Amino acid sequence: MPEIKNDIYARVAVKDIDLLTKIIEAYDHLGIVSTLSQREGTVIIRGTADTRPELIQILATLPFPVEIIDN
């Protein structure tokens, strides 16, 4: 059985990291955003197998570009 990845690695503009964090935090128990490199704008969004599809959907509709770098 293939391993299911729950974490989402993404890249956003540095100026959007805080907004991304606040948006994801506004969805209770959906995921937790941690910055991997503030200089590069890379973040990890820790979710679960149940919340990952919804997180992907939210990221696709944000008012700023989000590049998923590890799916």
PDB file of N, CA and C in Angstrom:
ATOM      1  N   MET A   1       0.845  -1.169   0.000  1.00  0.00           N
ATOM      2  CA  MET A   1       0.000   0.000   0.000  1.00  0.00           C
ATOM      3  C   MET A   1       0.897   1.240   0.000  1.00  0.00           C
ATOM      4  N   PRO A   2       0.648   2.227  -0.881  1.00  0.00           N
ATOM      5  CA  PRO A   2       1.496   3.418  -0.927  1.00  0.00           C
ATOM      6  C   PRO A   2       1.319   4.281   0.326  1.00  0.00           C
ATOM      7  N   GLU A   3       2.402   4.927   0.701  1.00  0.00           N
ATOM      8  CA  GLU A   3       2.364   5.816   1.863  1.00  0.00           C
ATOM      9  C   GLU A   3       1.602   7.090   1.490  1.00  0.00           C
ATOM     10  N   ILE A   4       0.701   7.510   2.370  1.00  0.00           N
ATOM     11  CA  ILE A   4      -0.055   8.736   2.145  1.00  0.00           C
ATOM     12  C   ILE A   4       0.679   9.881   2.831  1.00  0.00           C
ATOM     13  N   LYS A   5       0.960  10.915   2.051  1.00  0.00           N
ATOM     14  CA  LYS A   5       1.627  12.079   2.619  1.00  0.00           C
ATOM     15  C   LYS A   5       0.575  13.041   3.147  1.00  0.00           C
ATOM     16  N   ASN A   6       0.693  13.401   4.400  1.00  0.00           N
ATOM     17  CA  ASN A   6      -0.249  14.336   5.005  1.00  0.00           C
ATOM     18  C   ASN A   6       0.259  15.763   4.950  1.00  0.00           C
ATOM     19  N   ASP A   7       1.575  15.931   4.975  1.00  0.00           N
ATOM     20  CA  ASP A   7       2.161  17.267   4.974  1.00  0.00           C
ATOM     21  C   ASP A   7       2.207  17.824   3.561  1.00  0.00           C
ATOM     22  N   ILE A   8       2.041  19.127   3.459  1.00  0.00           N
ATOM     23  CA  ILE A   8       2.098  19.812   2.172  1.00  0.00           C
ATOM     24  C   ILE A   8       3.250  20.813   2.240  1.00  0.00           C
ATOM     25  N   TYR A   9       4.200  20.667   1.326  1.00  0.00           N
ATOM     26  CA  TYR A   9       5.288  21.631   1.221  1.00  0.00           C
ATOM     27  C   TYR A   9       4.910  22.621   0.129  1.00  0.00           C
ATOM     28  N   ALA A  10       5.072  23.910   0.424  1.00  0.00           N
ATOM     29  CA  ALA A  10       4.645  24.927  -0.534  1.00  0.00           C
ATOM     30  C   ALA A  10       5.574  26.131  -0.488  1.00  0.00           C
ATOM     31  N   ARG A  11       5.460  26.933  -1.544  1.00  0.00           N
ATOM     32  CA  ARG A  11       6.232  28.175  -1.617  1.00  0.00           C
ATOM     33  C   ARG A  11       5.252  29.311  -1.882  1.00  0.00           C
ATOM     34  N   VAL A  12       5.395  30.378  -1.110  1.00  0.00           N
ATOM     35  CA  VAL A  12       4.587  31.592  -1.290  1.00  0.00           C
ATOM     36  C   VAL A  12       5.525  32.788  -1.222  1.00  0.00           C
ATOM     37  N   ALA A  13       5.038  33.934  -1.642  1.00  0.00           N
ATOM     38  CA  ALA A  13       5.831  35.153  -1.492  1.00  0.00           C
ATOM     39  C   ALA A  13       6.053  35.385   0.001  1.00  0.00           C
ATOM     40  N   VAL A  14       7.232  35.850   0.338  1.00  0.00           N
ATOM     41  CA  VAL A  14       7.580  36.075   1.747  1.00  0.00           C
ATOM     42  C   VAL A  14       6.527  36.934   2.439  1.00  0.00           C
ATOM     43  N   LYS A  15       6.034  37.944   1.735  1.00  0.00           N
ATOM     44  CA  LYS A  15       5.043  38.839   2.341  1.00  0.00           C
ATOM     45  C   LYS A  15       3.714  38.140   2.637  1.00  0.00           C
ATOM     46  N   ASP A  16       3.479  36.951   2.049  1.00  0.00           N
ATOM     47  CA  ASP A  16       2.214  36.243   2.226  1.00  0.00           C
ATOM     48  C   ASP A  16       2.264  35.125   3.269  1.00  0.00           C
ATOM     49  N   ILE A  17       3.422  34.869   3.843  1.00  0.00           N
ATOM     50  CA  ILE A  17       3.547  33.780   4.825  1.00  0.00           C
ATOM     51  C   ILE A  17       2.622  34.013   6.013  1.00  0.00           C
ATOM     52  N   ASP A  18       2.620  35.204   6.557  1.00  0.00           N
ATOM     53  CA  ASP A  18       1.791  35.496   7.730  1.00  0.00           C
ATOM     54  C   ASP A  18       0.309  35.347   7.399  1.00  0.00           C
ATOM     55  N   LEU A  19      -0.108  35.855   6.243  1.00  0.00           N
ATOM     56  CA  LEU A  19      -1.511  35.746   5.849  1.00  0.00           C
ATOM     57  C   LEU A  19      -1.903  34.286   5.643  1.00  0.00           C
ATOM     58  N   LEU A  20      -1.038  33.509   5.012  1.00  0.00           N
ATOM     59  CA  LEU A  20      -1.307  32.083   4.837  1.00  0.00           C
ATOM     60  C   LEU A  20      -1.504  31.408   6.188  1.00  0.00           C
ATOM     61  N   THR A  21      -0.629  31.705   7.114  1.00  0.00           N
ATOM     62  CA  THR A  21      -0.726  31.119   8.454  1.00  0.00           C
ATOM     63  C   THR A  21      -2.052  31.479   9.102  1.00  0.00           C
ATOM     64  N   LYS A  22      -2.437  32.736   9.029  1.00  0.00           N
ATOM     65  CA  LYS A  22      -3.685  33.178   9.651  1.00  0.00           C
ATOM     66  C   LYS A  22      -4.905  32.547   8.996  1.00  0.00           C
ATOM     67  N   ILE A  23      -4.873  32.403   7.673  1.00  0.00           N
ATOM     68  CA  ILE A  23      -6.013  31.790   6.976  1.00  0.00           C
ATOM     69  C   ILE A  23      -6.163  30.327   7.383  1.00  0.00           C
ATOM     70  N   ILE A  24      -5.063  29.586   7.382  1.00  0.00           N
ATOM     71  CA  ILE A  24      -5.139  28.167   7.754  1.00  0.00           C
ATOM     72  C   ILE A  24      -5.534  28.020   9.221  1.00  0.00           C
ATOM     73  N   GLU A  25      -5.027  28.889  10.094  1.00  0.00           N
ATOM     74  CA  GLU A  25      -5.402  28.838  11.510  1.00  0.00           C
ATOM     75  C   GLU A  25      -6.879  29.146  11.707  1.00  0.00           C
ATOM     76  N   ALA A  26      -7.469  29.921  10.818  1.00  0.00           N
ATOM     77  CA  ALA A  26      -8.886  30.271  10.941  1.00  0.00           C
ATOM     78  C   ALA A  26      -9.788  29.053  10.741  1.00  0.00           C
ATOM     79  N   TYR A  27      -9.270  28.043  10.033  1.00  0.00           N
ATOM     80  CA  TYR A  27     -10.002  26.788   9.887  1.00  0.00           C
ATOM     81  C   TYR A  27      -9.586  25.890  11.049  1.00  0.00           C
ATOM     82  N   ASP A  28     -10.426  25.779  12.056  1.00  0.00           N
ATOM     83  CA  ASP A  28     -10.086  25.009  13.249  1.00  0.00           C
ATOM     84  C   ASP A  28      -9.733  23.566  12.913  1.00  0.00           C
ATOM     85  N   HIS A  29      -8.598  23.135  13.410  1.00  0.00           N
ATOM     86  CA  HIS A  29      -8.143  21.747  13.337  1.00  0.00           C
ATOM     87  C   HIS A  29      -7.902  21.240  11.917  1.00  0.00           C
ATOM     88  N   LEU A  30      -7.662  22.151  10.972  1.00  0.00           N
ATOM     89  CA  LEU A  30      -7.437  21.723   9.593  1.00  0.00           C
ATOM     90  C   LEU A  30      -5.957  21.466   9.319  1.00  0.00           C
ATOM     91  N   GLY A  31      -5.094  22.322   9.838  1.00  0.00           N
ATOM     92  CA  GLY A  31      -3.669  22.156   9.620  1.00  0.00           C
ATOM     93  C   GLY A  31      -2.877  23.190  10.388  1.00  0.00           C
ATOM     94  N   ILE A  32      -1.575  22.972  10.422  1.00  0.00           N
ATOM     95  CA  ILE A  32      -0.661  23.877  11.119  1.00  0.00           C
ATOM     96  C   ILE A  32       0.421  24.287  10.128  1.00  0.00           C
ATOM     97  N   VAL A  33       0.658  25.585  10.013  1.00  0.00           N
ATOM     98  CA  VAL A  33       1.665  26.109   9.089  1.00  0.00           C
ATOM     99  C   VAL A  33       2.948  26.399   9.863  1.00  0.00           C
ATOM    100  N   SER A  34       4.051  25.921   9.334  1.00  0.00           N
ATOM    101  CA  SER A  34       5.367  26.243   9.879  1.00  0.00           C
ATOM    102  C   SER A  34       6.242  26.740   8.728  1.00  0.00           C
ATOM    103  N   THR A  35       7.024  27.763   8.999  1.00  0.00           N
ATOM    104  CA  THR A  35       7.927  28.308   7.991  1.00  0.00           C
ATOM    105  C   THR A  35       9.203  27.489   7.973  1.00  0.00           C
ATOM    106  N   LEU A  36       9.592  27.029   6.787  1.00  0.00           N
ATOM    107  CA  LEU A  36      10.850  26.304   6.636  1.00  0.00           C
ATOM    108  C   LEU A  36      11.982  27.261   6.289  1.00  0.00           C
ATOM    109  N   SER A  37      11.702  28.198   5.387  1.00  0.00           N
ATOM    110  CA  SER A  37      12.692  29.203   5.013  1.00  0.00           C
ATOM    111  C   SER A  37      11.965  30.512   4.718  1.00  0.00           C
ATOM    112  N   GLN A  38      12.099  31.450   5.606  1.00  0.00           N
ATOM    113  CA  GLN A  38      11.439  32.734   5.398  1.00  0.00           C
ATOM    114  C   GLN A  38      12.046  33.455   4.195  1.00  0.00           C
ATOM    115  N   ARG A  39      13.327  33.280   3.997  1.00  0.00           N
ATOM    116  CA  ARG A  39      14.005  33.932   2.871  1.00  0.00           C
ATOM    117  C   ARG A  39      13.469  33.436   1.529  1.00  0.00           C
ATOM    118  N   GLU A  40      13.157  32.133   1.450  1.00  0.00           N
ATOM    119  CA  GLU A  40      12.672  31.547   0.206  1.00  0.00           C
ATOM    120  C   GLU A  40      11.154  31.449   0.139  1.00  0.00           C
ATOM    121  N   GLY A  41      10.472  31.685   1.246  1.00  0.00           N
ATOM    122  CA  GLY A  41       9.015  31.593   1.277  1.00  0.00           C
ATOM    123  C   GLY A  41       8.501  30.164   1.304  1.00  0.00           C
ATOM    124  N   THR A  42       9.319  29.226   1.776  1.00  0.00           N
ATOM    125  CA  THR A  42       8.868  27.837   1.838  1.00  0.00           C
ATOM    126  C   THR A  42       8.247  27.543   3.196  1.00  0.00           C
ATOM    127  N   VAL A  43       7.140  26.824   3.132  1.00  0.00           N
ATOM    128  CA  VAL A  43       6.397  26.471   4.334  1.00  0.00           C
ATOM    129  C   VAL A  43       6.007  25.007   4.272  1.00  0.00           C
ATOM    130  N   ILE A  44       5.670  24.468   5.422  1.00  0.00           N
ATOM    131  CA  ILE A  44       5.073  23.143   5.498  1.00  0.00           C
ATOM    132  C   ILE A  44       3.726  23.316   6.185  1.00  0.00           C
ATOM    133  N   ILE A  45       2.730  22.685   5.621  1.00  0.00           N
ATOM    134  CA  ILE A  45       1.406  22.707   6.232  1.00  0.00           C
ATOM    135  C   ILE A  45       1.134  21.285   6.682  1.00  0.00           C
ATOM    136  N   ARG A  46       1.059  21.109   7.973  1.00  0.00           N
ATOM    137  CA  ARG A  46       0.866  19.770   8.538  1.00  0.00           C
ATOM    138  C   ARG A  46      -0.630  19.517   8.700  1.00  0.00           C
ATOM    139  N   GLY A  47      -1.082  18.506   7.995  1.00  0.00           N
ATOM    140  CA  GLY A  47      -2.486  18.120   8.069  1.00  0.00           C
ATOM    141  C   GLY A  47      -2.596  16.642   8.371  1.00  0.00           C
ATOM    142  N   THR A  48      -3.762  16.102   8.133  1.00  0.00           N
ATOM    143  CA  THR A  48      -3.991  14.671   8.297  1.00  0.00           C
ATOM    144  C   THR A  48      -4.506  14.117   6.972  1.00  0.00           C
ATOM    145  N   ALA A  49      -4.635  12.819   6.907  1.00  0.00           N
ATOM    146  CA  ALA A  49      -5.174  12.210   5.693  1.00  0.00           C
ATOM    147  C   ALA A  49      -6.580  12.727   5.405  1.00  0.00           C
ATOM    148  N   ASP A  50      -7.325  13.042   6.455  1.00  0.00           N
ATOM    149  CA  ASP A  50      -8.692  13.544   6.294  1.00  0.00           C
ATOM    150  C   ASP A  50      -8.747  15.002   5.865  1.00  0.00           C
ATOM    151  N   THR A  51      -7.787  15.817   6.316  1.00  0.00           N
ATOM    152  CA  THR A  51      -7.846  17.255   6.033  1.00  0.00           C
ATOM    153  C   THR A  51      -7.037  17.666   4.811  1.00  0.00           C
ATOM    154  N   ARG A  52      -6.127  16.819   4.349  1.00  0.00           N
ATOM    155  CA  ARG A  52      -5.252  17.184   3.230  1.00  0.00           C
ATOM    156  C   ARG A  52      -6.014  17.596   1.967  1.00  0.00           C
ATOM    157  N   PRO A  53      -7.037  16.856   1.532  1.00  0.00           N
ATOM    158  CA  PRO A  53      -7.755  17.287   0.323  1.00  0.00           C
ATOM    159  C   PRO A  53      -8.379  18.677   0.466  1.00  0.00           C
ATOM    160  N   GLU A  54      -8.914  18.969   1.628  1.00  0.00           N
ATOM    161  CA  GLU A  54      -9.508  20.296   1.852  1.00  0.00           C
ATOM    162  C   GLU A  54      -8.426  21.374   1.870  1.00  0.00           C
ATOM    163  N   LEU A  55      -7.276  21.074   2.452  1.00  0.00           N
ATOM    164  CA  LEU A  55      -6.173  22.028   2.453  1.00  0.00           C
ATOM    165  C   LEU A  55      -5.723  22.335   1.027  1.00  0.00           C
ATOM    166  N   ILE A  56      -5.598  21.317   0.196  1.00  0.00           N
ATOM    167  CA  ILE A  56      -5.205  21.516  -1.209  1.00  0.00           C
ATOM    168  C   ILE A  56      -6.219  22.417  -1.907  1.00  0.00           C
ATOM    169  N   GLN A  57      -7.486  22.185  -1.645  1.00  0.00           N
ATOM    170  CA  GLN A  57      -8.550  22.984  -2.259  1.00  0.00           C
ATOM    171  C   GLN A  57      -8.467  24.441  -1.800  1.00  0.00           C
ATOM    172  N   ILE A  58      -8.229  24.665  -0.532  1.00  0.00           N
ATOM    173  CA  ILE A  58      -8.105  26.025   0.003  1.00  0.00           C
ATOM    174  C   ILE A  58      -6.906  26.737  -0.611  1.00  0.00           C
ATOM    175  N   LEU A  59      -5.777  26.053  -0.690  1.00  0.00           N
ATOM    176  CA  LEU A  59      -4.568  26.655  -1.249  1.00  0.00           C
ATOM    177  C   LEU A  59      -4.788  27.098  -2.697  1.00  0.00           C
ATOM    178  N   ALA A  60      -5.589  26.356  -3.429  1.00  0.00           N
ATOM    179  CA  ALA A  60      -5.842  26.681  -4.833  1.00  0.00           C
ATOM    180  C   ALA A  60      -6.719  27.914  -5.006  1.00  0.00           C
ATOM    181  N   THR A  61      -7.404  28.321  -3.954  1.00  0.00           N
ATOM    182  CA  THR A  61      -8.344  29.443  -4.075  1.00  0.00           C
ATOM    183  C   THR A  61      -7.912  30.690  -3.306  1.00  0.00           C
ATOM    184  N   LEU A  62      -6.706  30.690  -2.791  1.00  0.00           N
ATOM    185  CA  LEU A  62      -6.236  31.856  -2.027  1.00  0.00           C
ATOM    186  C   LEU A  62      -6.004  33.053  -2.957  1.00  0.00           C
ATOM    187  N   PRO A  63      -6.066  34.273  -2.414  1.00  0.00           N
ATOM    188  CA  PRO A  63      -5.913  35.467  -3.249  1.00  0.00           C
ATOM    189  C   PRO A  63      -4.458  35.786  -3.600  1.00  0.00           C
ATOM    190  N   PHE A  64      -3.559  34.832  -3.392  1.00  0.00           N
ATOM    191  CA  PHE A  64      -2.143  34.998  -3.767  1.00  0.00           C
ATOM    192  C   PHE A  64      -1.648  33.628  -4.221  1.00  0.00           C
ATOM    193  N   PRO A  65      -0.615  33.610  -5.066  1.00  0.00           N
ATOM    194  CA  PRO A  65      -0.130  32.329  -5.594  1.00  0.00           C
ATOM    195  C   PRO A  65       0.516  31.446  -4.530  1.00  0.00           C
ATOM    196  N   VAL A  66       0.185  30.161  -4.586  1.00  0.00           N
ATOM    197  CA  VAL A  66       0.799  29.164  -3.731  1.00  0.00           C
ATOM    198  C   VAL A  66       1.300  28.040  -4.635  1.00  0.00           C
ATOM    199  N   GLU A  67       2.596  27.793  -4.583  1.00  0.00           N
ATOM    200  CA  GLU A  67       3.191  26.722  -5.383  1.00  0.00           C
ATOM    201  C   GLU A  67       3.427  25.523  -4.479  1.00  0.00           C
ATOM    202  N   ILE A  68       2.735  24.432  -4.759  1.00  0.00           N
ATOM    203  CA  ILE A  68       2.952  23.216  -3.999  1.00  0.00           C
ATOM    204  C   ILE A  68       4.217  22.575  -4.560  1.00  0.00           C
ATOM    205  N   ILE A  69       5.213  22.383  -3.696  1.00  0.00           N
ATOM    206  CA  ILE A  69       6.518  21.922  -4.175  1.00  0.00           C
ATOM    207  C   ILE A  69       6.766  20.455  -3.866  1.00  0.00           C
ATOM    208  N   ASP A  70       5.901  19.842  -3.086  1.00  0.00           N
ATOM    209  CA  ASP A  70       6.018  18.409  -2.818  1.00  0.00           C
ATOM    210  C   ASP A  70       4.622  17.902  -2.579  1.00  0.00           C
ATOM    211  N   ASN A  71       4.130  17.112  -3.520  1.00  0.00           N
ATOM    212  CA  ASN A  71       2.758  16.661  -3.400  1.00  0.00           C
ATOM    213  C   ASN A  71       2.753  15.232  -3.038  1.00  0.00           C
TER     214      ASN A  71
END
